[in-house]
């Protein structure tokens, strides 16, 4: 067994960078350790740390729920790399889910909208409140509101792809 000591900030950054995307159980353990350390005063969260932690938790919970509900598919990318990913389905169309893409979509479409409307400080705080309403901490699951928000987000992606096809370059806001 290998043990590594990392700072709380480094642990948050590793979650955000996708270091645990292929190991969600390990990532959840790290997430809980960070949260526990913060709650005990060992780590002083900035608003950015909070939003990263919420984003990671919600994206991971959504992917896990979709895996249970819709299963997985085997994907081979352009480089020939093989991966097994969860599937989102709206009952008509299905799409693969990648953790990094989920977090990017949330950052762009939820946090981005809040920051655009309210500025960085207030927008980030509003995004944290929004995210906290998407997840039931006691149950360890998304709320019905959280599921609805993410379903609407994915359905808008599907509608965009159906209407305009795959963009030549990724679109970020």
C-alpha atoms as a PDB file:
ATOM      1  CA  UNK A   1       0.000   0.000   0.000  1.00  0.00           C
ATOM      2  CA  UNK A   2       1.291   3.432  -0.963  1.00  0.00           C
ATOM      3  CA  UNK A   3       0.547   6.438   1.216  1.00  0.00           C
ATOM      4  CA  UNK A   4       1.031   9.979  -0.002  1.00  0.00           C
ATOM      5  CA  UNK A   5       0.577  13.170   1.967  1.00  0.00           C
ATOM      6  CA  UNK A   6      -0.704  16.160   0.028  1.00  0.00           C
ATOM      7  CA  UNK A   7      -1.921  19.577   1.072  1.00  0.00           C
ATOM      8  CA  UNK A   8      -5.629  20.331   1.071  1.00  0.00           C
ATOM      9  CA  UNK A   9      -5.148  22.803  -1.780  1.00  0.00           C
ATOM     10  CA  UNK A  10      -3.261  20.210  -3.827  1.00  0.00           C
ATOM     11  CA  UNK A  11      -6.002  17.658  -3.141  1.00  0.00           C
ATOM     12  CA  UNK A  12      -8.688  20.086  -4.374  1.00  0.00           C
ATOM     13  CA  UNK A  13      -6.609  20.833  -7.469  1.00  0.00           C
ATOM     14  CA  UNK A  14      -6.159  17.109  -8.159  1.00  0.00           C
ATOM     15  CA  UNK A  15      -9.917  16.552  -8.007  1.00  0.00           C
ATOM     16  CA  UNK A  16     -10.443  19.459 -10.383  1.00  0.00           C
ATOM     17  CA  UNK A  17      -7.695  18.274 -12.752  1.00  0.00           C
ATOM     18  CA  UNK A  18      -9.328  14.869 -13.103  1.00  0.00           C
ATOM     19  CA  UNK A  19      -6.727  12.812 -11.253  1.00  0.00           C
ATOM     20  CA  UNK A  20      -9.523  10.657  -9.801  1.00  0.00           C
ATOM     21  CA  UNK A  21     -11.829  10.519 -12.819  1.00  0.00           C
ATOM     22  CA  UNK A  22     -10.975   6.845 -13.376  1.00  0.00           C
ATOM     23  CA  UNK A  23     -11.114   6.140  -9.628  1.00  0.00           C
ATOM     24  CA  UNK A  24     -14.357   7.758  -8.394  1.00  0.00           C
ATOM     25  CA  UNK A  25     -14.373   5.840  -5.095  1.00  0.00           C
ATOM     26  CA  UNK A  26     -10.865   7.069  -4.299  1.00  0.00           C
ATOM     27  CA  UNK A  27     -11.876  10.559  -5.419  1.00  0.00           C
ATOM     28  CA  UNK A  28     -14.889  10.475  -3.103  1.00  0.00           C
ATOM     29  CA  UNK A  29     -12.619   9.442  -0.216  1.00  0.00           C
ATOM     30  CA  UNK A  30     -10.328  12.408  -1.005  1.00  0.00           C
ATOM     31  CA  UNK A  31     -13.342  14.722  -1.324  1.00  0.00           C
ATOM     32  CA  UNK A  32     -14.664  13.642   2.080  1.00  0.00           C
ATOM     33  CA  UNK A  33     -11.215  14.044   3.667  1.00  0.00           C
ATOM     34  CA  UNK A  34     -10.942  17.593   2.304  1.00  0.00           C
ATOM     35  CA  UNK A  35     -14.452  18.453   3.498  1.00  0.00           C
ATOM     36  CA  UNK A  36     -13.755  16.969   6.930  1.00  0.00           C
ATOM     37  CA  UNK A  37     -10.496  18.905   7.217  1.00  0.00           C
ATOM     38  CA  UNK A  38     -12.266  22.100   6.234  1.00  0.00           C
ATOM     39  CA  UNK A  39     -15.072  21.495   8.731  1.00  0.00           C
ATOM     40  CA  UNK A  40     -12.502  20.903  11.491  1.00  0.00           C
ATOM     41  CA  UNK A  41     -10.629  24.105  10.664  1.00  0.00           C
ATOM     42  CA  UNK A  42      -7.531  22.492   9.144  1.00  0.00           C
ATOM     43  CA  UNK A  43      -8.209  24.054   5.771  1.00  0.00           C
ATOM     44  CA  UNK A  44      -9.551  27.519   5.017  1.00  0.00           C
ATOM     45  CA  UNK A  45     -11.774  27.212   1.966  1.00  0.00           C
ATOM     46  CA  UNK A  46     -11.820  30.033  -0.531  1.00  0.00           C
ATOM     47  CA  UNK A  47     -14.966  30.522  -2.609  1.00  0.00           C
ATOM     48  CA  UNK A  48     -13.107  28.953  -5.527  1.00  0.00           C
ATOM     49  CA  UNK A  49     -12.280  25.852  -3.460  1.00  0.00           C
ATOM     50  CA  UNK A  50     -15.945  25.581  -2.484  1.00  0.00           C
ATOM     51  CA  UNK A  51     -17.189  25.809  -6.048  1.00  0.00           C
ATOM     52  CA  UNK A  52     -14.625  23.252  -7.266  1.00  0.00           C
ATOM     53  CA  UNK A  53     -15.618  20.837  -4.504  1.00  0.00           C
ATOM     54  CA  UNK A  54     -19.350  21.196  -5.234  1.00  0.00           C
ATOM     55  CA  UNK A  55     -18.814  20.885  -8.984  1.00  0.00           C
ATOM     56  CA  UNK A  56     -16.734  17.720  -8.572  1.00  0.00           C
ATOM     57  CA  UNK A  57     -19.244  16.167  -6.155  1.00  0.00           C
ATOM     58  CA  UNK A  58     -22.280  16.880  -8.328  1.00  0.00           C
ATOM     59  CA  UNK A  59     -20.626  15.735 -11.555  1.00  0.00           C
ATOM     60  CA  UNK A  60     -19.470  12.509  -9.881  1.00  0.00           C
ATOM     61  CA  UNK A  61     -22.885  11.863  -8.317  1.00  0.00           C
ATOM     62  CA  UNK A  62     -24.609  12.458 -11.673  1.00  0.00           C
ATOM     63  CA  UNK A  63     -22.276  10.095 -13.511  1.00  0.00           C
ATOM     64  CA  UNK A  64     -22.751   7.431 -10.824  1.00  0.00           C
ATOM     65  CA  UNK A  65     -26.542   7.799 -10.971  1.00  0.00           C
ATOM     66  CA  UNK A  66     -26.527   7.589 -14.769  1.00  0.00           C
ATOM     67  CA  UNK A  67     -24.348   4.459 -14.585  1.00  0.00           C
ATOM     68  CA  UNK A  68     -26.929   2.790 -12.319  1.00  0.00           C
ATOM     69  CA  UNK A  69     -29.865   4.003 -14.423  1.00  0.00           C
ATOM     70  CA  UNK A  70     -28.544   3.627 -17.985  1.00  0.00           C
ATOM     71  CA  UNK A  71     -25.419   1.487 -17.752  1.00  0.00           C
ATOM     72  CA  UNK A  72     -22.130   2.022 -19.538  1.00  0.00           C
ATOM     73  CA  UNK A  73     -20.717   1.867 -23.051  1.00  0.00           C
ATOM     74  CA  UNK A  74     -17.267   1.015 -24.299  1.00  0.00           C
ATOM     75  CA  UNK A  75     -15.659   3.860 -26.251  1.00  0.00           C
ATOM     76  CA  UNK A  76     -12.504   3.896 -28.374  1.00  0.00           C
ATOM     77  CA  UNK A  77     -11.231   7.430 -28.966  1.00  0.00           C
ATOM     78  CA  UNK A  78      -9.355   8.799 -31.990  1.00  0.00           C
ATOM     79  CA  UNK A  79      -6.047   7.735 -30.417  1.00  0.00           C
ATOM     80  CA  UNK A  80      -7.236   4.156 -29.992  1.00  0.00           C
ATOM     81  CA  UNK A  81      -7.590   4.439 -26.217  1.00  0.00           C
ATOM     82  CA  UNK A  82     -10.375   2.340 -24.727  1.00  0.00           C
ATOM     83  CA  UNK A  83     -12.613   3.528 -21.902  1.00  0.00           C
ATOM     84  CA  UNK A  84     -15.895   2.529 -20.312  1.00  0.00           C
ATOM     85  CA  UNK A  85     -18.185   5.478 -19.634  1.00  0.00           C
ATOM     86  CA  UNK A  86     -21.608   6.073 -18.121  1.00  0.00           C
ATOM     87  CA  UNK A  87     -24.497   7.012 -20.382  1.00  0.00           C
ATOM     88  CA  UNK A  88     -27.037   9.842 -20.187  1.00  0.00           C
ATOM     89  CA  UNK A  89     -30.334   9.065 -21.896  1.00  0.00           C
ATOM     90  CA  UNK A  90     -33.420  11.225 -22.238  1.00  0.00           C
ATOM     91  CA  UNK A  91     -35.415   8.223 -23.459  1.00  0.00           C
ATOM     92  CA  UNK A  92     -34.853   9.112 -27.110  1.00  0.00           C
ATOM     93  CA  UNK A  93     -31.159   9.894 -27.468  1.00  0.00           C
ATOM     94  CA  UNK A  94     -28.187   8.773 -25.385  1.00  0.00           C
ATOM     95  CA  UNK A  95     -24.759  10.317 -24.955  1.00  0.00           C
ATOM     96  CA  UNK A  96     -21.578   9.208 -23.174  1.00  0.00           C
ATOM     97  CA  UNK A  97     -20.560  11.039 -20.021  1.00  0.00           C
ATOM     98  CA  UNK A  98     -16.982  12.023 -19.272  1.00  0.00           C
ATOM     99  CA  UNK A  99     -16.163  13.504 -15.843  1.00  0.00           C
ATOM    100  CA  UNK A 100     -13.989  16.325 -17.208  1.00  0.00           C
ATOM    101  CA  UNK A 101     -16.684  17.257 -19.742  1.00  0.00           C
ATOM    102  CA  UNK A 102     -19.339  17.279 -17.004  1.00  0.00           C
ATOM    103  CA  UNK A 103     -17.281  19.622 -14.848  1.00  0.00           C
ATOM    104  CA  UNK A 104     -16.476  21.873 -17.799  1.00  0.00           C
ATOM    105  CA  UNK A 105     -20.147  22.021 -18.801  1.00  0.00           C
ATOM    106  CA  UNK A 106     -21.139  22.966 -15.267  1.00  0.00           C
ATOM    107  CA  UNK A 107     -18.382  25.580 -14.985  1.00  0.00           C
ATOM    108  CA  UNK A 108     -19.312  27.156 -18.321  1.00  0.00           C
ATOM    109  CA  UNK A 109     -23.080  26.977 -18.136  1.00  0.00           C
ATOM    110  CA  UNK A 110     -23.871  27.344 -14.438  1.00  0.00           C
ATOM    111  CA  UNK A 111     -20.944  29.213 -12.899  1.00  0.00           C
ATOM    112  CA  UNK A 112     -20.339  31.187 -16.088  1.00  0.00           C
ATOM    113  CA  UNK A 113     -23.932  32.418 -16.145  1.00  0.00           C
ATOM    114  CA  UNK A 114     -23.790  33.415 -12.478  1.00  0.00           C
ATOM    115  CA  UNK A 115     -20.479  35.236 -12.879  1.00  0.00           C
ATOM    116  CA  UNK A 116     -21.647  36.983 -16.040  1.00  0.00           C
ATOM    117  CA  UNK A 117     -24.768  38.244 -14.275  1.00  0.00           C
ATOM    118  CA  UNK A 118     -23.389  39.041 -10.807  1.00  0.00           C
ATOM    119  CA  UNK A 119     -19.612  39.420 -11.171  1.00  0.00           C
ATOM    120  CA  UNK A 120     -16.910  37.057  -9.927  1.00  0.00           C
ATOM    121  CA  UNK A 121     -17.390  37.316  -6.146  1.00  0.00           C
ATOM    122  CA  UNK A 122     -21.188  37.297  -5.939  1.00  0.00           C
ATOM    123  CA  UNK A 123     -21.539  34.995  -8.950  1.00  0.00           C
ATOM    124  CA  UNK A 124     -19.230  32.400  -7.382  1.00  0.00           C
ATOM    125  CA  UNK A 125     -21.126  32.583  -4.079  1.00  0.00           C
ATOM    126  CA  UNK A 126     -24.431  32.223  -5.958  1.00  0.00           C
ATOM    127  CA  UNK A 127     -23.054  29.215  -7.849  1.00  0.00           C
ATOM    128  CA  UNK A 128     -22.146  27.593  -4.515  1.00  0.00           C
ATOM    129  CA  UNK A 129     -25.689  28.156  -3.240  1.00  0.00           C
ATOM    130  CA  UNK A 130     -27.107  26.829  -6.521  1.00  0.00           C
ATOM    131  CA  UNK A 131     -24.899  23.732  -6.339  1.00  0.00           C
ATOM    132  CA  UNK A 132     -25.780  23.125  -2.683  1.00  0.00           C
ATOM    133  CA  UNK A 133     -29.440  22.967  -3.748  1.00  0.00           C
ATOM    134  CA  UNK A 134     -28.567  20.304  -6.320  1.00  0.00           C
ATOM    135  CA  UNK A 135     -27.193  17.807  -3.791  1.00  0.00           C
ATOM    136  CA  UNK A 136     -28.696  16.242  -0.665  1.00  0.00           C
ATOM    137  CA  UNK A 137     -25.726  15.901   1.680  1.00  0.00           C
ATOM    138  CA  UNK A 138     -27.643  13.710   4.150  1.00  0.00           C
ATOM    139  CA  UNK A 139     -28.698  11.216   1.458  1.00  0.00           C
ATOM    140  CA  UNK A 140     -25.489  11.508  -0.562  1.00  0.00           C
ATOM    141  CA  UNK A 141     -27.469  11.917  -3.789  1.00  0.00           C
ATOM    142  CA  UNK A 142     -28.586  14.568  -6.204  1.00  0.00           C
ATOM    143  CA  UNK A 143     -31.837  16.307  -5.363  1.00  0.00           C
ATOM    144  CA  UNK A 144     -34.715  16.231  -7.845  1.00  0.00           C
ATOM    145  CA  UNK A 145     -33.737  19.835  -8.654  1.00  0.00           C
ATOM    146  CA  UNK A 146     -30.155  18.719  -9.333  1.00  0.00           C
ATOM    147  CA  UNK A 147     -31.308  15.922 -11.626  1.00  0.00           C
ATOM    148  CA  UNK A 148     -33.615  18.324 -13.464  1.00  0.00           C
ATOM    149  CA  UNK A 149     -30.868  20.928 -13.956  1.00  0.00           C
ATOM    150  CA  UNK A 150     -28.431  18.351 -15.322  1.00  0.00           C
ATOM    151  CA  UNK A 151     -31.077  16.702 -17.522  1.00  0.00           C
ATOM    152  CA  UNK A 152     -31.981  20.121 -18.963  1.00  0.00           C
ATOM    153  CA  UNK A 153     -28.297  20.857 -19.562  1.00  0.00           C
ATOM    154  CA  UNK A 154     -27.726  17.554 -21.383  1.00  0.00           C
ATOM    155  CA  UNK A 155     -30.953  17.857 -23.356  1.00  0.00           C
ATOM    156  CA  UNK A 156     -29.832  21.302 -24.533  1.00  0.00           C
ATOM    157  CA  UNK A 157     -26.532  19.759 -25.705  1.00  0.00           C
ATOM    158  CA  UNK A 158     -28.443  17.048 -27.579  1.00  0.00           C
ATOM    159  CA  UNK A 159     -30.743  19.648 -29.168  1.00  0.00           C
ATOM    160  CA  UNK A 160     -27.724  21.735 -30.225  1.00  0.00           C
ATOM    161  CA  UNK A 161     -26.046  18.692 -31.791  1.00  0.00           C
ATOM    162  CA  UNK A 162     -29.250  17.720 -33.594  1.00  0.00           C
ATOM    163  CA  UNK A 163     -29.704  21.236 -34.936  1.00  0.00           C
ATOM    164  CA  UNK A 164     -26.124  22.213 -35.781  1.00  0.00           C
ATOM    165  CA  UNK A 165     -24.051  19.030 -35.697  1.00  0.00           C
ATOM    166  CA  UNK A 166     -20.707  18.678 -33.964  1.00  0.00           C
ATOM    167  CA  UNK A 167     -18.838  22.015 -33.792  1.00  0.00           C
ATOM    168  CA  UNK A 168     -15.449  22.224 -35.501  1.00  0.00           C
ATOM    169  CA  UNK A 169     -13.837  23.453 -32.284  1.00  0.00           C
ATOM    170  CA  UNK A 170     -15.051  23.190 -28.680  1.00  0.00           C
ATOM    171  CA  UNK A 171     -17.205  26.124 -27.641  1.00  0.00           C
ATOM    172  CA  UNK A 172     -16.568  27.645 -24.221  1.00  0.00           C
ATOM    173  CA  UNK A 173     -18.006  30.772 -22.717  1.00  0.00           C
END
